[in-house]
Amino acid sequence: MSTTTLSTPTWYVEPKSINREEGYKHLLEDYGFDPSTGRAADQNANTKTGQKFDASQDLLECSARMKDGSELLDEYMDSILSSNAPNQVKSVAKKCKTIVGDVMKIAAKETHEAAKKESPIPNGDKAFARSDNKRKAEIRDENPSKKPQIKVVMMKEFIAKKKNVALPKASSKKARPHSARRAKQLPTRVPPPPAPVSDSESMGSASSSTTYSP
């Protein structure tokens, strides 16, 4: 029995490998969003799609900060439970962790899922995750000498943005030594010297001030 070998048609083109990251960037651009930030490329554009995307990104940010808050609450309550605090204080800490902490975790998860459904583009949570991780890396770079509490910094920035207030800047002034604080300030102006005295005046004053005893 003879076998027939099928030849490849001349019009056939070998498919290229799919780059999902590049495809997602093109999808964002088609919808009018900047792939690097996940926000609308034209900030002045007031479209329904842009409004829905911004709203979903805000929900994702609320979810992320709520999750950070629940994790910080667990850390603080665990430190109290493992300390020598009174039993009454430990009881309150345990209730905060099992009730308040669990409610925050559930709310963070539900808010995240709602934001994903409301996003006008697929995988909108990935766009937020990229911008969120970028900010966390910036916080690490801004504090290379010490390990910053990234969750605390992110939550403070979130509160300041929602309350529309500026974060207080860290004071760059160094404390002066105790001796320096008590040192007297030198005068900024030197008083002019006294007027010169003539020889006759100096002789007269000298003779008048000299007394002889008989």
Protein backbone atom coordinates (compact mmCIF):
# COMPACT_ATOMS: atom_id res chain seq x y z
CA MET A 1 0.00 0.00 0.00
CA SER A 2 1.54 3.26 -1.07
CA THR A 3 1.51 6.32 1.20
CA THR A 4 0.91 9.84 0.01
CA THR A 5 2.97 12.68 1.48
CA LEU A 6 1.21 16.03 1.58
CA SER A 7 3.36 18.97 0.68
CA THR A 8 3.09 22.29 2.50
CA PRO A 9 1.09 24.83 0.49
CA THR A 10 3.06 27.76 -0.84
CA TRP A 11 0.66 30.22 0.82
CA TYR A 12 1.16 28.76 4.32
CA VAL A 13 2.96 31.04 6.79
CA GLU A 14 4.43 29.65 10.01
CA PRO A 15 2.68 31.38 12.94
CA LYS A 16 4.89 33.44 15.19
CA SER A 17 4.97 33.00 18.96
CA ILE A 18 2.43 35.18 20.74
CA ASN A 19 3.82 37.81 23.09
CA ARG A 20 0.99 38.35 25.56
CA GLU A 21 2.70 41.33 27.19
CA GLU A 22 3.01 43.19 23.89
CA GLY A 23 -0.54 42.25 22.97
CA TYR A 24 -1.85 43.65 26.23
CA LYS A 25 0.02 46.92 25.66
CA HIS A 26 -1.53 47.25 22.20
CA LEU A 27 -4.95 46.55 23.70
CA LEU A 28 -4.49 49.36 26.21
CA GLU A 29 -3.37 51.74 23.45
CA ASP A 30 -6.40 50.83 21.35
CA TYR A 31 -8.65 51.79 24.26
CA GLY A 32 -6.77 55.06 24.75
CA PHE A 33 -4.70 54.17 27.83
CA ASP A 34 -1.01 54.62 28.54
CA PRO A 35 0.49 51.11 29.04
CA SER A 36 3.18 52.41 31.42
CA THR A 37 0.70 53.94 33.90
CA GLY A 38 -2.59 52.25 33.10
CA ARG A 39 -4.25 55.67 33.04
CA ALA A 40 -5.88 57.49 30.14
CA ALA A 41 -3.30 58.71 27.65
CA ASP A 42 -5.24 61.94 27.24
CA GLN A 43 -5.99 63.15 30.76
CA ASN A 44 -8.45 65.72 29.38
CA ALA A 45 -10.50 63.06 27.66
CA ASN A 46 -13.80 62.50 29.49
CA THR A 47 -15.12 59.29 28.01
CA LYS A 48 -17.32 56.71 29.69
CA THR A 49 -14.65 54.07 29.13
CA GLY A 50 -12.00 56.24 30.76
CA GLN A 51 -14.27 57.03 33.70
CA LYS A 52 -15.03 53.35 34.27
CA PHE A 53 -11.36 52.44 34.05
CA ASP A 54 -10.35 55.16 36.54
CA ALA A 55 -13.12 54.05 38.90
CA SER A 56 -11.96 50.44 38.74
CA GLN A 57 -8.37 51.49 39.39
CA ASP A 58 -9.49 53.49 42.45
CA LEU A 59 -11.34 50.44 43.76
CA LEU A 60 -8.24 48.30 43.26
CA GLU A 61 -6.20 50.85 45.19
CA CYS A 62 -8.74 50.82 48.04
CA SER A 63 -8.57 47.03 48.06
CA ALA A 64 -4.77 46.99 48.14
CA ARG A 65 -4.52 49.49 50.99
CA MET A 66 -7.24 47.68 52.95
CA LYS A 67 -5.26 44.46 52.57
CA ASP A 68 -2.13 46.27 53.78
CA GLY A 69 -4.09 47.57 56.77
CA SER A 70 -5.32 44.11 57.72
CA GLU A 71 -1.80 42.70 57.55
CA LEU A 72 -0.42 45.55 59.67
CA LEU A 73 -3.24 45.05 62.18
CA ASP A 74 -2.30 41.36 62.46
CA GLU A 75 1.34 42.28 63.08
CA TYR A 76 0.48 44.82 65.79
CA MET A 77 -2.01 42.53 67.52
CA ASP A 78 0.43 39.60 67.42
CA SER A 79 3.04 41.75 69.12
CA ILE A 80 0.56 42.50 71.91
CA LEU A 81 -0.51 38.86 72.26
CA SER A 82 3.12 37.74 72.57
CA SER A 83 3.99 40.42 75.13
CA ASN A 84 3.52 40.63 78.88
CA ALA A 85 0.43 42.79 78.49
CA PRO A 86 -2.49 42.26 80.91
CA ASN A 87 -5.03 39.59 79.99
CA GLN A 88 -7.70 42.24 79.41
CA VAL A 89 -5.52 43.97 76.82
CA LYS A 90 -4.72 40.65 75.14
CA SER A 91 -8.43 39.82 74.96
CA VAL A 92 -9.15 43.09 73.15
CA ALA A 93 -6.22 42.50 70.78
CA LYS A 94 -7.49 39.02 69.93
CA LYS A 95 -10.97 40.38 69.14
CA CYS A 96 -9.48 43.09 66.93
CA LYS A 97 -7.50 40.50 64.99
CA THR A 98 -10.28 37.92 64.56
CA ILE A 99 -13.15 40.36 63.93
CA VAL A 100 -11.82 43.66 62.56
CA GLY A 101 -8.91 42.03 60.73
CA ASP A 102 -11.09 39.35 59.10
CA VAL A 103 -13.68 41.91 58.00
CA MET A 104 -10.93 43.99 56.37
CA LYS A 105 -9.56 40.92 54.55
CA ILE A 106 -13.00 39.95 53.22
CA ALA A 107 -13.78 43.53 52.18
CA ALA A 108 -10.43 43.82 50.40
CA LYS A 109 -11.05 40.61 48.45
CA GLU A 110 -14.64 41.51 47.50
CA THR A 111 -13.60 45.01 46.42
CA HIS A 112 -10.82 43.55 44.27
CA GLU A 113 -13.24 41.19 42.51
CA ALA A 114 -15.79 43.98 41.96
CA ALA A 115 -13.10 46.22 40.46
CA LYS A 116 -12.08 43.48 38.03
CA LYS A 117 -15.68 43.09 36.86
CA GLU A 118 -16.18 46.85 36.46
CA SER A 119 -12.98 47.35 34.46
CA PRO A 120 -13.76 48.15 30.81
CA ILE A 121 -10.69 46.19 29.67
CA PRO A 122 -9.60 42.68 30.61
CA ASN A 123 -6.89 42.22 33.24
CA GLY A 124 -7.30 45.76 34.55
CA ASP A 125 -5.94 44.54 37.88
CA LYS A 126 -2.59 43.81 36.21
CA ALA A 127 -2.30 47.42 35.08
CA PHE A 128 -2.83 48.55 38.67
CA ALA A 129 -0.38 45.95 40.02
CA ARG A 130 2.34 47.28 37.72
CA SER A 131 1.89 50.88 38.87
CA ASP A 132 1.60 49.81 42.52
CA ASN A 133 4.79 47.73 42.39
CA LYS A 134 6.57 50.59 40.63
CA ARG A 135 5.74 52.94 43.51
CA LYS A 136 6.93 50.36 46.06
CA ALA A 137 10.26 50.09 44.23
CA GLU A 138 10.57 53.89 44.28
CA ILE A 139 10.05 53.90 48.05
CA ARG A 140 12.85 51.35 48.45
CA ASP A 141 15.16 53.43 46.25
CA GLU A 142 14.38 56.59 48.23
CA ASN A 143 15.49 54.87 51.46
CA PRO A 144 18.53 52.74 50.50
CA SER A 145 20.17 52.94 53.94
CA LYS A 146 17.24 51.46 55.86
CA LYS A 147 14.37 49.10 55.25
CA PRO A 148 11.28 51.29 54.96
CA GLN A 149 7.83 50.19 56.09
CA ILE A 150 6.41 50.17 52.60
CA LYS A 151 2.87 49.34 53.70
CA VAL A 152 2.84 52.26 56.13
CA VAL A 153 4.18 54.68 53.50
CA MET A 154 1.67 53.52 50.89
CA MET A 155 -1.21 53.87 53.35
CA LYS A 156 -0.12 57.37 54.39
CA GLU A 157 0.07 58.44 50.75
CA PHE A 158 -3.38 56.94 50.10
CA ILE A 159 -4.91 58.81 53.06
CA ALA A 160 -3.27 62.08 52.01
CA LYS A 161 -4.54 61.71 48.44
CA LYS A 162 -8.11 60.94 49.50
CA LYS A 163 -8.16 63.76 52.04
CA ASN A 164 -6.44 66.05 49.53
CA VAL A 165 -3.74 67.06 51.99
CA ALA A 166 0.04 67.19 51.60
CA LEU A 167 2.25 64.82 53.50
CA PRO A 168 4.58 66.54 56.00
CA LYS A 169 8.14 66.64 54.76
CA ALA A 170 10.86 65.15 56.92
CA SER A 171 12.91 67.83 58.64
CA SER A 172 16.47 68.03 57.32
CA LYS A 173 17.72 70.18 60.21
CA LYS A 174 20.20 68.48 62.50
CA ALA A 175 20.04 69.06 66.23
CA ARG A 176 22.77 71.36 67.47
CA PRO A 177 25.01 70.27 70.31
CA HIS A 178 24.04 71.44 73.78
CA SER A 179 27.08 73.70 73.98
CA ALA A 180 26.25 75.31 70.66
CA ARG A 181 22.69 76.07 71.74
CA ARG A 182 23.95 77.92 74.84
CA ALA A 183 26.75 79.82 73.12
CA LYS A 184 26.25 83.58 72.91
CA GLN A 185 25.78 85.10 69.52
CA LEU A 186 28.54 87.43 68.33
CA PRO A 187 27.40 90.95 67.37
CA THR A 188 26.72 91.41 63.70
CA ARG A 189 28.10 95.00 63.81
CA VAL A 190 31.28 96.18 65.44
CA PRO A 191 30.86 99.57 67.25
CA PRO A 192 32.97 102.43 65.85
CA PRO A 193 36.21 103.27 67.73
CA PRO A 194 36.26 106.39 70.03
CA ALA A 195 37.39 109.71 68.60
CA PRO A 196 41.16 110.37 68.87
CA VAL A 197 42.32 112.60 71.76
CA SER A 198 44.78 115.48 71.09
CA ASP A 199 48.08 115.74 73.00
CA SER A 200 47.00 118.91 74.87
CA GLU A 201 43.80 117.30 76.02
CA SER A 202 45.61 114.19 77.16
CA MET A 203 48.22 116.24 79.09
CA GLY A 204 45.52 118.39 80.71
CA SER A 205 43.54 115.42 81.80
CA ALA A 206 46.63 113.76 83.17
CA SER A 207 47.70 116.88 85.18
CA SER A 208 44.23 117.43 86.55
CA SER A 209 43.94 113.86 87.68
CA THR A 210 47.37 113.92 89.44
CA THR A 211 47.45 115.01 93.08
CA TYR A 212 50.47 115.80 95.28
CA SER A 213 50.62 115.40 98.95
CA PRO A 214 52.53 118.11 100.90
